[in-house]
């Protein structure tokens, strides 16, 4: 991937950022984190699609997963299930920061995955987190379906 610059944040910086946005803005903060992730996903998908326009959406998703892994976002698996698509993330930095939650925690990753799939499949898709590290699972899992 041809990028002009890369920026790194350590986990402490990100933890403070995410926690403060959630605490200060509540559900509005969660929506903001989702929107940030969504735009990141759209931009990553567009960039990789422009580099190899002949590739299928699934090939581009594999390359997105590779780029995200190299950037420290965890290991991504993308699965085409019969009625929906799935994304699994092993080692989500957003969810590694928190533990013992009663509900899934990810908003940035949920947005990122929604943006990737929406851009690559040319439709408005939304990821819903159904399993989360913060709830005791070994990975985060997202169901991707058309937005209602």
Protein backbone atom coordinates (compact mmCIF):
# COMPACT_ATOMS: atom_id res chain seq x y z
CA UNK A 1 0.00 0.00 0.00
CA UNK A 2 1.42 3.38 -0.96
CA UNK A 3 0.97 5.78 1.92
CA UNK A 4 2.61 9.14 2.38
CA UNK A 5 3.09 8.81 6.12
CA UNK A 6 2.27 6.50 8.97
CA UNK A 7 1.35 7.51 12.49
CA UNK A 8 1.70 5.29 15.55
CA UNK A 9 -0.13 5.56 18.87
CA UNK A 10 0.68 3.46 21.88
CA UNK A 11 -2.12 1.62 23.70
CA UNK A 12 -2.09 4.04 26.67
CA UNK A 13 -2.75 6.99 24.36
CA UNK A 14 -5.57 5.17 22.62
CA UNK A 15 -7.09 3.95 25.88
CA UNK A 16 -7.27 7.51 27.19
CA UNK A 17 -8.72 8.81 23.95
CA UNK A 18 -11.43 6.15 23.65
CA UNK A 19 -12.37 6.19 27.34
CA UNK A 20 -12.61 9.98 27.49
CA UNK A 21 -14.71 10.23 24.34
CA UNK A 22 -17.08 7.59 25.74
CA UNK A 23 -17.25 9.17 29.20
CA UNK A 24 -17.63 12.77 28.03
CA UNK A 25 -20.06 12.18 25.16
CA UNK A 26 -21.87 8.95 26.13
CA UNK A 27 -23.74 7.38 23.20
CA UNK A 28 -22.77 10.38 21.08
CA UNK A 29 -19.15 9.47 21.75
CA UNK A 30 -19.81 5.90 20.66
CA UNK A 31 -21.37 7.23 17.45
CA UNK A 32 -18.31 9.44 16.90
CA UNK A 33 -15.92 6.50 17.36
CA UNK A 34 -18.03 4.45 14.92
CA UNK A 35 -17.90 7.25 12.32
CA UNK A 36 -14.12 7.57 12.69
CA UNK A 37 -13.72 3.83 12.14
CA UNK A 38 -16.18 3.87 9.23
CA UNK A 39 -14.25 6.53 7.36
CA UNK A 40 -10.98 4.71 8.02
CA UNK A 41 -12.46 1.54 6.52
CA UNK A 42 -13.80 3.34 3.43
CA UNK A 43 -10.44 5.02 2.81
CA UNK A 44 -8.45 1.80 3.27
CA UNK A 45 -10.76 -0.11 0.91
CA UNK A 46 -10.63 2.68 -1.72
CA UNK A 47 -6.85 2.89 -1.60
CA UNK A 48 -6.36 -0.86 -2.02
CA UNK A 49 -9.10 -1.05 -4.68
CA UNK A 50 -7.38 1.70 -6.71
CA UNK A 51 -4.05 -0.14 -6.53
CA UNK A 52 -5.53 -3.36 -7.98
CA UNK A 53 -8.94 -2.67 -9.57
CA UNK A 54 -9.09 -6.17 -11.07
CA UNK A 55 -9.18 -7.85 -7.64
CA UNK A 56 -12.42 -9.19 -6.16
CA UNK A 57 -13.83 -7.65 -2.96
CA UNK A 58 -12.70 -10.75 -1.04
CA UNK A 59 -9.13 -10.44 -2.35
CA UNK A 60 -9.09 -6.78 -1.32
CA UNK A 61 -10.47 -7.69 2.11
CA UNK A 62 -7.59 -10.15 2.55
CA UNK A 63 -5.13 -7.37 1.71
CA UNK A 64 -6.95 -5.02 4.12
CA UNK A 65 -6.55 -7.65 6.82
CA UNK A 66 -2.83 -7.89 6.06
CA UNK A 67 -2.40 -4.10 6.23
CA UNK A 68 -4.34 -3.89 9.49
CA UNK A 69 -2.34 -6.74 11.02
CA UNK A 70 0.96 -5.03 10.12
CA UNK A 71 -0.36 -1.82 11.69
CA UNK A 72 -1.13 -3.57 15.00
CA UNK A 73 -4.91 -3.85 14.63
CA UNK A 74 -4.99 -7.64 15.18
CA UNK A 75 -5.61 -10.61 12.91
CA UNK A 76 -8.70 -10.34 10.74
CA UNK A 77 -10.74 -13.18 9.24
CA UNK A 78 -13.47 -12.43 6.70
CA UNK A 79 -16.11 -15.11 6.10
CA UNK A 80 -18.89 -15.26 3.53
CA UNK A 81 -21.75 -16.99 5.38
CA UNK A 82 -24.99 -17.84 3.62
CA UNK A 83 -27.28 -15.03 4.84
CA UNK A 84 -24.64 -12.57 6.02
CA UNK A 85 -20.92 -11.90 6.12
CA UNK A 86 -18.71 -12.31 9.20
CA UNK A 87 -15.55 -10.62 10.37
CA UNK A 88 -13.48 -11.93 13.25
CA UNK A 89 -10.72 -9.97 14.90
CA UNK A 90 -8.15 -11.67 17.11
CA UNK A 91 -6.35 -9.12 19.27
CA UNK A 92 -8.46 -5.97 18.86
CA UNK A 93 -6.59 -3.14 20.60
CA UNK A 94 -9.90 -1.39 21.32
CA UNK A 95 -11.24 -4.35 23.26
CA UNK A 96 -7.95 -5.50 24.81
CA UNK A 97 -8.05 -2.25 26.81
CA UNK A 98 -11.21 -3.23 28.65
CA UNK A 99 -12.37 -6.39 30.41
CA UNK A 100 -15.43 -7.73 32.20
CA UNK A 101 -18.04 -5.80 30.26
CA UNK A 102 -21.60 -7.03 29.90
CA UNK A 103 -21.95 -5.92 26.29
CA UNK A 104 -19.63 -5.67 23.29
CA UNK A 105 -17.32 -2.67 23.47
CA UNK A 106 -16.00 -2.02 19.97
CA UNK A 107 -17.13 1.03 18.07
CA UNK A 108 -14.03 1.91 16.05
CA UNK A 109 -13.64 -1.64 14.73
CA UNK A 110 -17.38 -1.92 14.09
CA UNK A 111 -17.18 1.25 12.03
CA UNK A 112 -14.00 0.14 10.25
CA UNK A 113 -15.57 -3.18 9.21
CA UNK A 114 -18.82 -1.48 8.13
CA UNK A 115 -16.83 0.97 5.99
CA UNK A 116 -14.68 -1.74 4.40
CA UNK A 117 -17.65 -3.89 3.42
CA UNK A 118 -19.85 -0.99 2.30
CA UNK A 119 -17.13 0.36 0.01
CA UNK A 120 -16.15 -3.00 -1.46
CA UNK A 121 -19.65 -4.42 -1.98
CA UNK A 122 -21.24 -1.15 -3.18
CA UNK A 123 -24.07 -1.15 -0.65
CA UNK A 124 -24.80 0.27 2.78
CA UNK A 125 -23.76 -2.46 5.22
CA UNK A 126 -23.56 -2.40 9.00
CA UNK A 127 -21.46 -4.57 11.31
CA UNK A 128 -22.99 -5.70 14.60
CA UNK A 129 -20.64 -7.07 17.22
CA UNK A 130 -21.96 -10.41 18.47
CA UNK A 131 -18.88 -11.64 20.38
CA UNK A 132 -16.31 -9.52 22.18
CA UNK A 133 -13.05 -9.90 24.08
CA UNK A 134 -14.51 -7.68 26.81
CA UNK A 135 -17.26 -10.25 27.41
CA UNK A 136 -14.86 -13.19 27.80
CA UNK A 137 -14.59 -14.46 24.20
CA UNK A 138 -11.20 -15.16 22.60
CA UNK A 139 -11.95 -12.80 19.70
CA UNK A 140 -14.41 -10.18 18.53
CA UNK A 141 -16.93 -11.26 15.91
CA UNK A 142 -19.10 -9.04 13.74
CA UNK A 143 -22.11 -9.91 11.59
CA UNK A 144 -22.34 -7.72 8.50
CA UNK A 145 -25.78 -7.18 6.99
CA UNK A 146 -27.53 -4.54 4.88
CA UNK A 147 -28.41 -1.41 6.83
CA UNK A 148 -32.15 -1.21 7.47
